[in-house]
Amino acid sequence: MGQRLNRCLDVPGSLPSPLVPLKRRLLLLSIMLILWLYMFYSCAGSCAALPGLTPRGSAPPEESGPGEQRAAPAALSPISAFLNGSGSKRLPQAIIIGVKKGGTRALLEFLRVHPDVRAVGAEPHFFDRNYERGLAWYRDLMPRTLEGQITMEKTPSYFVTKEAPARISSMAKGTKLIVVVRDPVTRAISDYTQTLSKKPDIPTFESLTFKNRTTGLIDTSWSAIQIGIYAKHLENWLLYFPIGQILFVSGERLISDPAGELGRVQDFLGLKRIITDKHFYFNKTKGFPCLKKAEGSSKPHCLGKTKGRTHPDIDQEVVQRLRDFYRPFNMKFYQMTGQDFGWD
């Protein structure tokens, strides 16, 4: 009798568990909910941007006139940004404009730890070498950013490029500028050391320093010397930007107190002070501070082997003559910036 009943119900020996269809229904409902949320947030980030769709009660966007820069599109919400390609490309709001061998690479690497800073890794050289390519080309080099994030780049040669101030001002008068400066004598020797590593057969530092060593006349046409006349270059920038729109970072303090200098930079950029002492450790071998965790990594990060090269021994008489040469320019630079960098 029991065998006949089982055969009629087509069940192998026992009644079906009511939990099985319930689990299937819950799974189906979960999938439907996920799909609905995906469609909702996708539409929230993209449907409103379709041509002709304007929120009720708001005016349509105005057309940009000749020579006007079109306003950057509104940033997406974090979920919409994730679903639609994370933000938009904008022209930089801040630029590290100098100086070569002052510590610009270190500053950029440290700043990129901040979640609200997005920066180009390579130097674009737009305002000195590639200006004819146009702002659209320049903007395309920039990383995508969300609302509240700052787009940055660094090209140290801008500081000594005569046309750069006018060109940057033409792009956006409100651009914030950062200059990393260093003892001009040490900077010149570091500049020479870099060139020497690429061209071992170049003349000695001493012979390049002077037009005539007997008379002690310094050769200011040599770029290694010329870059360090900071006051002269700054005069050109002040024709287009107020001094309060330029931050001067000490290359020496960037090594001895990186968190302190980064605090000043974050304040200048209007950012929350997120980068602190906890982000750094000092590498005694390189003689430089390193990051405990680099951007997008959980591993410690030090600057490359090209940073912290051993300088050649330079005749101390030449070093002293250079210090005497730079002293009046340094004093003027201190007065212009309101900062004493302690190079004398």
Protein backbone atom coordinates (compact mmCIF):
# COMPACT_ATOMS: atom_id res chain seq x y z
CA MET A 1 0.00 0.00 0.00
CA GLY A 2 2.85 2.40 0.97
CA GLN A 3 4.68 1.61 -2.26
CA ARG A 4 1.57 2.44 -4.33
CA LEU A 5 1.12 5.76 -2.50
CA ASN A 6 4.73 6.79 -3.15
CA ARG A 7 4.42 5.84 -6.81
CA CYS A 8 1.24 7.87 -7.20
CA LEU A 9 2.79 10.99 -5.61
CA ASP A 10 6.00 10.51 -7.63
CA VAL A 11 8.11 11.27 -4.54
CA PRO A 12 11.15 9.17 -3.71
CA GLY A 13 10.28 7.99 -0.27
CA SER A 14 9.38 11.32 1.51
CA LEU A 15 7.37 14.51 1.18
CA PRO A 16 9.17 17.63 -0.33
CA SER A 17 10.59 20.22 2.08
CA PRO A 18 8.72 23.54 1.99
CA LEU A 19 12.11 25.35 2.42
CA VAL A 20 13.31 24.53 -1.11
CA PRO A 21 10.81 26.66 -3.09
CA LEU A 22 11.10 29.42 -0.43
CA LYS A 23 14.86 29.68 -0.96
CA ARG A 24 14.37 29.84 -4.71
CA ARG A 25 11.83 32.65 -4.35
CA LEU A 26 14.17 34.66 -2.07
CA LEU A 27 17.04 34.20 -4.49
CA LEU A 28 14.87 35.39 -7.40
CA LEU A 29 13.69 38.42 -5.41
CA SER A 30 17.29 39.33 -4.50
CA ILE A 31 18.36 39.21 -8.15
CA MET A 32 15.41 41.38 -9.18
CA LEU A 33 16.22 43.92 -6.43
CA ILE A 34 19.87 44.16 -7.52
CA LEU A 35 18.86 44.68 -11.16
CA TRP A 36 16.34 47.36 -10.13
CA LEU A 37 18.95 49.24 -8.07
CA TYR A 38 21.45 49.06 -10.93
CA MET A 39 18.91 50.50 -13.40
CA PHE A 40 17.87 53.23 -10.92
CA TYR A 41 21.39 54.50 -10.21
CA SER A 42 22.44 54.20 -13.85
CA CYS A 43 19.51 56.39 -14.83
CA ALA A 44 20.23 58.83 -12.00
CA GLY A 45 23.75 59.37 -13.33
CA SER A 46 23.08 59.37 -17.05
CA CYS A 47 19.42 59.96 -17.89
CA ALA A 48 19.52 63.51 -16.50
CA ALA A 49 22.44 64.29 -18.79
CA LEU A 50 20.51 63.41 -21.94
CA PRO A 51 19.95 66.31 -24.38
CA GLY A 52 16.70 68.16 -23.78
CA LEU A 53 16.18 66.81 -20.28
CA THR A 54 16.29 69.65 -17.77
CA PRO A 55 15.10 69.44 -14.16
CA ARG A 56 11.67 71.07 -13.67
CA GLY A 57 11.93 74.70 -12.62
CA SER A 58 15.54 75.17 -13.78
CA ALA A 59 16.84 77.05 -16.78
CA PRO A 60 18.67 75.26 -19.62
CA PRO A 61 22.48 75.69 -19.63
CA GLU A 62 23.76 78.82 -21.33
CA GLU A 63 25.94 78.59 -24.38
CA SER A 64 29.55 79.66 -23.92
CA GLY A 65 30.49 82.82 -25.72
CA PRO A 66 33.66 83.28 -27.79
CA GLY A 67 36.77 82.91 -25.68
CA GLU A 68 34.80 81.73 -22.62
CA GLN A 69 35.67 78.46 -20.96
CA ARG A 70 32.67 76.15 -20.74
CA ALA A 71 31.90 75.19 -17.17
CA ALA A 72 32.96 71.71 -16.16
CA PRO A 73 30.11 69.18 -16.06
CA ALA A 74 28.68 68.39 -12.65
CA ALA A 75 30.42 65.55 -10.88
CA LEU A 76 28.58 62.26 -10.55
CA SER A 77 27.52 60.76 -7.26
CA PRO A 78 29.95 58.09 -6.01
CA ILE A 79 27.62 55.24 -7.12
CA SER A 80 26.89 56.84 -10.50
CA ALA A 81 30.59 57.57 -10.96
CA PHE A 82 31.40 53.91 -10.31
CA LEU A 83 28.78 52.77 -12.79
CA ASN A 84 29.50 55.39 -15.47
CA GLY A 85 33.29 55.79 -15.57
CA SER A 86 34.37 57.82 -12.50
CA GLY A 87 34.12 61.54 -13.01
CA SER A 88 35.28 63.92 -15.70
CA LYS A 89 38.50 65.49 -16.94
CA ARG A 90 39.13 69.08 -15.89
CA LEU A 91 41.88 71.62 -16.39
CA PRO A 92 44.15 71.75 -13.31
CA GLN A 93 43.15 74.00 -10.44
CA ALA A 94 46.70 73.85 -9.03
CA ILE A 95 50.12 73.49 -10.68
CA ILE A 96 53.58 72.83 -9.23
CA ILE A 97 55.54 75.26 -11.44
CA GLY A 98 59.07 74.81 -10.09
CA VAL A 99 61.86 74.51 -9.48
CA LYS A 100 64.01 71.86 -11.14
CA LYS A 101 65.95 69.78 -8.57
CA GLY A 102 64.07 71.49 -5.77
CA GLY A 103 61.93 68.56 -4.64
CA THR A 104 58.93 68.77 -6.96
CA ARG A 105 58.73 65.02 -7.57
CA ALA A 106 58.75 64.30 -3.84
CA LEU A 107 55.99 66.85 -3.23
CA LEU A 108 53.81 65.42 -5.99
CA GLU A 109 54.25 61.84 -4.79
CA PHE A 110 53.42 62.84 -1.23
CA LEU A 111 50.35 64.84 -2.31
CA ARG A 112 48.95 61.98 -4.36
CA VAL A 113 48.36 60.07 -1.12
CA HIS A 114 45.52 62.52 -0.40
CA PRO A 115 42.16 61.11 -1.60
CA ASP A 116 41.07 64.53 -2.89
CA VAL A 117 44.13 65.07 -5.09
CA ARG A 118 44.39 63.61 -8.57
CA ALA A 119 47.55 64.39 -10.51
CA VAL A 120 49.28 63.57 -13.78
CA GLY A 121 52.36 61.43 -13.18
CA ALA A 122 54.45 62.59 -16.14
CA GLU A 123 55.33 66.24 -16.73
CA PRO A 124 53.02 67.60 -19.48
CA HIS A 125 55.27 70.57 -20.42
CA PHE A 126 52.19 72.22 -21.88
CA PHE A 127 52.90 75.86 -21.08
CA ASP A 128 56.52 75.71 -22.28
CA ARG A 129 56.79 73.11 -25.07
CA ASN A 130 53.32 71.98 -26.16
CA TYR A 131 51.20 75.13 -25.96
CA GLU A 132 50.32 75.03 -29.65
CA ARG A 133 48.45 71.73 -29.08
CA GLY A 134 45.67 73.63 -27.32
CA LEU A 135 43.73 73.37 -24.06
CA ALA A 136 41.62 70.42 -25.27
CA TRP A 137 44.81 68.36 -25.68
CA TYR A 138 46.00 69.51 -22.26
CA ARG A 139 42.70 68.66 -20.57
CA ASP A 140 42.73 65.20 -22.09
CA LEU A 141 46.01 64.47 -20.27
CA MET A 142 44.36 65.08 -16.91
CA PRO A 143 42.98 62.28 -14.72
CA ARG A 144 39.24 62.01 -14.12
CA THR A 145 38.04 63.67 -10.93
CA LEU A 146 34.88 63.74 -8.83
CA GLU A 147 33.28 66.78 -7.22
CA GLY A 148 35.53 68.13 -4.45
CA GLN A 149 38.72 66.63 -5.88
CA ILE A 150 41.60 68.78 -7.16
CA THR A 151 43.31 68.19 -10.50
CA MET A 152 47.06 68.89 -10.46
CA GLU A 153 50.18 68.64 -12.57
CA LYS A 154 53.84 69.54 -12.12
CA THR A 155 56.37 70.83 -14.63
CA PRO A 156 59.35 72.52 -12.91
CA SER A 157 60.55 74.33 -16.03
CA TYR A 158 57.44 76.56 -16.01
CA PHE A 159 59.02 78.77 -13.32
CA VAL A 160 61.82 79.91 -15.65
CA THR A 161 59.70 80.04 -18.84
CA LYS A 162 58.95 83.66 -19.70
CA GLU A 163 55.64 82.91 -21.46
CA ALA A 164 54.27 80.52 -18.81
CA PRO A 165 52.69 83.06 -16.40
CA ALA A 166 50.61 84.76 -19.10
CA ARG A 167 49.54 81.43 -20.56
CA ILE A 168 48.43 79.96 -17.23
CA SER A 169 46.63 83.19 -16.34
CA SER A 170 44.84 83.04 -19.71
CA MET A 171 43.67 79.50 -18.88
CA ALA A 172 42.39 80.44 -15.40
CA LYS A 173 43.40 83.47 -13.34
CA GLY A 174 42.49 81.63 -10.15
CA THR A 175 44.97 78.78 -10.67
CA LYS A 176 46.93 78.07 -7.49
CA LEU A 177 50.69 77.86 -7.99
CA ILE A 178 53.27 75.98 -5.92
CA VAL A 179 57.03 76.57 -6.09
CA VAL A 180 59.45 74.24 -4.32
CA VAL A 181 62.70 76.14 -3.71
CA ARG A 182 66.05 74.96 -2.41
CA ASP A 183 69.40 76.54 -1.56
CA PRO A 184 70.42 77.72 -5.05
CA VAL A 185 74.04 76.58 -4.63
CA THR A 186 73.01 73.04 -3.62
CA ARG A 187 70.38 73.09 -6.36
CA ALA A 188 72.97 74.00 -9.01
CA ILE A 189 75.28 71.18 -7.89
CA SER A 190 72.35 68.72 -7.93
CA ASP A 191 71.42 69.94 -11.43
CA TYR A 192 75.00 69.37 -12.60
CA THR A 193 75.07 65.93 -10.96
CA GLN A 194 71.98 64.88 -12.91
CA THR A 195 73.52 66.02 -16.21
CA LEU A 196 76.82 64.32 -15.33
CA SER A 197 75.00 60.99 -14.85
CA LYS A 198 73.75 61.24 -18.44
CA LYS A 199 76.84 62.85 -20.01
CA PRO A 200 79.97 61.74 -18.13
CA ASP A 201 82.26 63.69 -20.51
CA ILE A 202 80.90 67.18 -19.72
CA PRO A 203 83.31 69.83 -18.32
CA THR A 204 83.78 70.19 -14.58
CA PHE A 205 81.31 72.13 -12.45
CA GLU A 206 84.02 74.68 -11.66
CA SER A 207 84.76 75.43 -15.31
CA LEU A 208 81.07 75.81 -16.19
CA THR A 209 80.40 78.15 -13.26
CA PHE A 210 82.63 80.99 -14.44
CA LYS A 211 82.92 83.01 -17.61
CA ASN A 212 86.38 83.85 -16.33
CA ARG A 213 87.58 82.13 -13.18
CA THR A 214 90.45 84.57 -12.74
CA THR A 215 88.08 87.52 -12.44
CA GLY A 216 85.43 85.42 -10.68
CA LEU A 217 82.69 86.44 -13.14
CA ILE A 218 79.79 83.98 -12.79
CA ASP A 219 78.30 82.63 -16.03
CA THR A 220 74.59 83.38 -15.54
CA SER A 221 73.80 82.00 -19.00
CA TRP A 222 74.41 78.48 -17.67
CA SER A 223 70.96 77.14 -16.78
CA ALA A 224 72.21 75.48 -13.57
CA ILE A 225 73.15 78.93 -12.28
CA GLN A 226 70.35 80.90 -13.91
CA ILE A 227 67.48 78.85 -12.41
CA GLY A 228 68.60 79.72 -8.87
CA ILE A 229 68.08 83.48 -9.32
CA TYR A 230 64.60 83.01 -7.90
CA ALA A 231 63.79 86.70 -7.36
CA LYS A 232 64.29 87.47 -11.05
CA HIS A 233 61.89 84.74 -12.18
CA LEU A 234 59.33 85.57 -9.49
CA GLU A 235 59.08 89.16 -10.76
CA ASN A 236 57.69 87.80 -14.03
CA TRP A 237 55.02 85.74 -12.24
CA LEU A 238 53.91 88.65 -10.10
CA LEU A 239 52.90 90.52 -13.24
CA TYR A 240 50.05 88.01 -13.62
CA PHE A 241 49.41 86.49 -10.18
CA PRO A 242 49.16 87.99 -6.67
CA ILE A 243 51.77 86.75 -4.22
CA GLY A 244 49.03 85.17 -2.07
CA GLN A 245 48.16 82.82 -4.93
CA ILE A 246 51.66 81.31 -4.92
CA LEU A 247 52.86 78.95 -2.19
CA PHE A 248 56.62 78.59 -1.64
CA VAL A 249 57.65 75.22 -0.23
CA SER A 250 61.09 74.73 1.32
CA GLY A 251 62.91 71.84 -0.33
CA GLU A 252 65.05 71.45 2.80
CA ARG A 253 62.04 71.26 5.14
CA LEU A 254 60.33 68.87 2.75
CA ILE A 255 63.13 66.45 3.69
CA SER A 256 63.50 67.28 7.39
CA ASP A 257 59.78 67.77 8.15
CA PRO A 258 57.66 66.42 5.28
CA ALA A 259 54.44 66.34 7.31
CA GLY A 260 54.89 69.98 8.34
CA GLU A 261 55.37 71.20 4.76
CA LEU A 262 52.53 69.00 3.51
CA GLY A 263 50.31 70.54 6.15
CA ARG A 264 50.98 74.00 4.68
CA VAL A 265 50.30 72.70 1.16
CA GLN A 266 47.02 71.07 2.17
CA ASP A 267 45.89 74.31 3.84
CA PHE A 268 46.83 76.29 0.73
CA LEU A 269 44.81 73.96 -1.48
CA GLY A 270 41.82 74.07 0.85
CA LEU A 271 42.13 70.39 1.71
CA LYS A 272 41.57 68.59 4.98
CA ARG A 273 44.88 67.75 6.68
CA ILE A 274 44.92 64.04 6.00
CA ILE A 275 48.64 63.58 5.21
CA THR A 276 50.45 63.60 8.58
CA ASP A 277 53.52 62.16 10.33
CA LYS A 278 51.96 58.70 10.25
CA HIS A 279 52.45 58.57 6.46
CA PHE A 280 56.26 58.89 6.51
CA TYR A 281 59.42 57.16 7.63
CA PHE A 282 63.00 58.30 7.05
CA ASN A 283 65.25 56.18 4.84
CA LYS A 284 68.78 56.66 6.21
CA THR A 285 70.37 55.03 3.15
CA LYS A 286 68.82 57.49 0.69
CA GLY A 287 68.70 60.37 3.13
CA PHE A 288 65.08 61.06 2.17
CA PRO A 289 61.67 60.54 3.75
CA CYS A 290 59.62 57.74 2.22
CA LEU A 291 55.94 56.90 2.23
CA LYS A 292 54.74 54.03 4.38
CA LYS A 293 51.99 53.46 1.82
CA ALA A 294 52.03 54.93 -1.68
CA GLU A 295 48.94 55.88 -3.68
CA GLY A 296 46.97 52.76 -4.62
CA SER A 297 49.36 50.47 -2.75
CA SER A 298 49.77 48.96 0.69
CA LYS A 299 53.57 48.80 0.37
CA PRO A 300 56.22 51.38 1.42
CA HIS A 301 57.45 53.63 -1.38
CA CYS A 302 60.67 55.64 -1.75
CA LEU A 303 61.59 57.93 -4.63
CA GLY A 304 63.52 56.28 -7.47
CA LYS A 305 67.26 55.73 -7.70
CA THR A 306 67.67 59.00 -9.63
CA LYS A 307 66.80 60.87 -6.42
CA GLY A 308 69.43 61.39 -3.76
CA ARG A 309 72.47 60.95 -6.03
CA THR A 310 75.87 61.50 -4.39
CA HIS A 311 77.20 64.92 -5.40
CA PRO A 312 80.75 65.25 -6.71
CA ASP A 313 83.30 67.10 -4.57
CA ILE A 314 83.28 70.76 -5.56
CA ASP A 315 86.10 73.22 -4.84
CA GLN A 316 85.00 75.05 -1.68
CA GLU A 317 86.32 78.35 -3.03
CA VAL A 318 83.89 78.00 -5.94
CA VAL A 319 81.05 77.16 -3.56
CA GLN A 320 81.81 80.29 -1.51
CA ARG A 321 81.90 82.49 -4.59
CA LEU A 322 78.53 81.15 -5.62
CA ARG A 323 77.13 81.88 -2.15
CA ASP A 324 78.39 85.46 -2.42
CA PHE A 325 76.82 85.74 -5.88
CA TYR A 326 73.40 84.45 -4.79
CA ARG A 327 73.21 86.35 -1.47
CA PRO A 328 71.64 89.60 -2.73
CA PHE A 329 69.15 87.66 -4.89
CA ASN A 330 68.25 85.48 -1.89
CA MET A 331 67.68 88.53 0.31
CA LYS A 332 65.36 90.02 -2.30
CA PHE A 333 63.52 86.70 -2.63
CA TYR A 334 63.00 86.58 1.15
CA GLN A 335 61.49 90.08 1.05
CA MET A 336 59.22 89.26 -1.90
CA THR A 337 57.86 86.06 -0.34
CA GLY A 338 57.90 87.10 3.32
CA GLN A 339 59.85 83.93 4.15
CA ASP A 340 63.45 83.46 5.29
CA PHE A 341 64.66 80.12 3.93
CA GLY A 342 67.95 80.29 5.82
CA TRP A 343 70.32 79.70 2.91
CA ASP A 344 73.03 82.06 4.19
